[in-house]
Protein backbone atom coordinates (compact mmCIF):
# COMPACT_ATOMS: atom_id res chain seq x y z
CA MET A 1 0.00 0.00 0.00
CA LYS A 2 1.20 3.38 -0.90
CA GLN A 3 1.28 6.07 1.78
CA LYS A 4 -0.03 9.48 0.93
CA LYS A 5 2.34 12.38 1.30
CA GLN A 6 1.02 14.76 3.94
CA ASP A 7 1.25 18.47 3.38
CA GLY A 8 1.09 20.72 6.44
CA VAL A 9 2.18 20.48 10.04
CA THR A 10 1.24 18.12 12.81
CA ILE A 11 -0.31 19.14 16.10
CA ILE A 12 3.00 18.35 17.88
CA GLU A 13 4.91 20.75 15.64
CA VAL A 14 2.34 23.49 16.33
CA MET A 15 2.55 22.91 20.09
CA ILE A 16 6.36 23.02 20.04
CA SER A 17 6.26 26.25 18.03
CA LEU A 18 3.76 27.85 20.42
CA PHE A 19 5.83 26.77 23.42
CA THR A 20 8.98 28.25 21.88
CA ILE A 21 7.24 31.54 21.08
CA ALA A 22 5.81 31.71 24.62
CA MET A 23 9.25 31.16 26.17
CA VAL A 24 10.80 33.87 23.98
CA LEU A 25 8.04 36.32 24.96
CA ILE A 26 8.36 35.52 28.68
CA ILE A 27 12.15 35.90 28.62
CA GLY A 28 11.87 39.10 26.57
CA GLY A 29 9.37 40.56 29.05
CA ASN A 30 11.65 39.76 31.98
CA ILE A 31 14.61 41.38 30.24
CA LEU A 32 12.52 44.47 29.49
CA GLY A 33 11.41 44.72 33.13
CA PHE A 34 14.97 44.35 34.37
CA SER A 35 16.24 47.01 31.96
CA ASN A 36 13.54 49.40 33.20
CA GLN A 37 14.74 48.89 36.79
CA VAL A 38 18.35 49.47 35.80
CA SER A 39 17.32 52.62 33.93
CA ALA A 40 15.38 53.95 36.94
CA ARG A 41 18.36 53.36 39.25
CA ALA A 42 20.70 55.09 36.79
CA LYS A 43 18.37 58.10 36.46
CA ALA A 44 18.08 58.43 40.25
CA THR A 45 21.83 58.15 40.73
CA LEU A 46 22.41 60.75 38.02
CA ALA A 47 19.88 63.11 39.63
CA ALA A 48 21.42 62.66 43.10
CA ASN A 49 24.92 63.22 41.71
CA ALA A 50 23.83 66.42 39.97
CA ILE A 51 22.26 67.75 43.18
CA ALA A 52 25.29 66.83 45.32
CA PHE A 53 27.76 68.28 42.81
CA SER A 54 25.77 71.51 42.60
CA LYS A 55 25.74 71.85 46.37
CA MET A 56 29.49 71.09 46.53
CA GLN A 57 30.17 73.80 43.94
CA GLU A 58 28.10 76.22 45.99
CA TYR A 59 30.32 75.64 49.03
CA GLU A 60 33.55 75.63 47.03
CA ASN A 61 32.65 79.07 45.63
CA LYS A 62 32.22 80.57 49.11
CA THR A 63 35.12 82.25 50.82
CA PHE A 64 36.68 80.35 53.71
CA THR A 65 35.20 82.71 56.31
CA ASN A 66 31.70 82.43 54.80
CA ILE A 67 31.62 78.65 55.27
CA PRO A 68 30.03 78.00 58.67
CA ASN A 69 31.73 75.65 61.10
CA GLY A 70 29.68 72.71 62.29
CA VAL A 71 29.70 71.75 65.93
CA SER A 72 30.08 68.25 67.30
CA THR A 73 26.72 68.40 69.12
CA SER A 74 24.94 68.50 65.74
CA SER A 75 27.30 66.00 64.06
CA TYR A 76 28.83 69.03 62.30
CA GLU A 77 25.65 69.57 60.25
CA VAL A 78 25.38 73.10 58.87
CA GLU A 79 22.61 72.80 56.27
CA ASP A 80 19.65 70.57 55.50
CA PHE A 81 18.66 70.99 51.86
CA SER A 82 16.21 68.08 51.74
CA SER A 83 13.38 70.33 50.59
CA SER A 84 15.31 71.24 47.43
CA ILE A 85 15.65 67.60 46.32
CA PRO A 86 13.04 67.03 43.63
CA THR A 87 11.03 63.89 44.29
CA GLU A 88 8.52 61.94 42.25
CA SER A 89 9.69 63.51 38.99
CA ASP A 90 9.33 60.63 36.55
CA ASN A 91 9.48 58.37 39.63
CA VAL A 92 13.22 58.94 39.68
CA ILE A 93 13.72 59.69 43.37
CA LYS A 94 10.91 58.55 45.66
CA SER A 95 12.09 60.54 48.68
CA GLY A 96 15.38 62.03 49.76
CA THR A 97 17.33 63.91 52.39
CA GLY A 98 20.32 66.10 51.75
CA LYS A 99 22.68 67.48 54.36
CA VAL A 100 25.93 69.42 54.48
CA TYR A 101 28.47 68.74 57.21
CA VAL A 102 31.44 71.02 57.84
CA THR A 103 34.17 69.74 60.13
CA PRO A 104 36.91 72.18 61.16
CA VAL A 105 40.16 70.25 60.78
CA SER A 106 42.41 73.15 61.77
CA PRO A 107 42.05 76.95 61.99
CA SER A 108 42.85 77.15 58.26
CA LEU A 109 41.25 73.94 56.96
CA LYS A 110 37.65 72.70 56.78
CA LYS A 111 36.30 69.41 55.53
CA ILE A 112 32.95 69.61 53.71
CA ASN A 113 30.75 66.51 53.32
CA ILE A 114 27.61 66.52 51.20
CA ARG A 115 25.38 63.51 51.87
CA ILE A 116 22.21 62.56 50.02
CA ASP A 117 20.06 59.62 51.08
CA TYR A 118 17.32 58.72 48.61
CA ARG A 119 14.89 55.97 47.71
CA VAL A 120 14.61 54.53 44.24
CA LEU A 121 12.27 51.65 43.51
CA SER A 122 12.28 49.81 46.85
CA GLU A 123 15.91 50.49 47.73
CA THR A 124 17.51 53.13 49.92
CA LYS A 125 20.73 54.52 48.47
CA ASN A 126 23.18 57.12 49.68
CA LEU A 127 25.70 59.31 47.98
CA GLU A 128 28.46 61.31 49.61
CA TYR A 129 30.83 63.94 48.27
CA ALA A 130 33.71 65.34 50.32
CA THR A 131 36.30 68.06 49.82
CA TYR A 132 38.62 70.25 51.84
CA VAL A 133 38.65 74.03 51.78
CA GLN A 134 41.58 75.97 53.12
CA LEU A 135 42.26 79.66 53.55
CA GLY A 136 44.03 79.75 50.18
CA GLY A 137 41.35 77.83 48.19
CA VAL A 138 39.94 74.38 47.51
CA GLY A 139 41.75 71.05 47.57
CA ARG A 140 40.48 67.53 47.07
């Protein structure tokens, strides 16, 4: 008996194809979700860096005598600029605090720390810049 040649695909081939397509879509969706998280973290870090750098430049442009000295009872904190940290802009930074600490190292040298604590996605991150200012100018 002669067998007829079948044209078309079998149900098994269709099921394997659908399974393969489903796996590719699931993996692609997971990769897209992960890349969105990485992008959000990068945007928040960039925003926090820009704010910290701007604040550092503000203090570096002051004269030595115009930079207030912090005292140990307040952990050397001289400014709280938390209200100037933009939050919820494109969901970049959920909430944040920004503080400036000035520690007198000697009568002619001050150490300036800028610290920003912020939330992005479900994580709390912090960023800190530090520099020294002396009577004659800025040094890092």
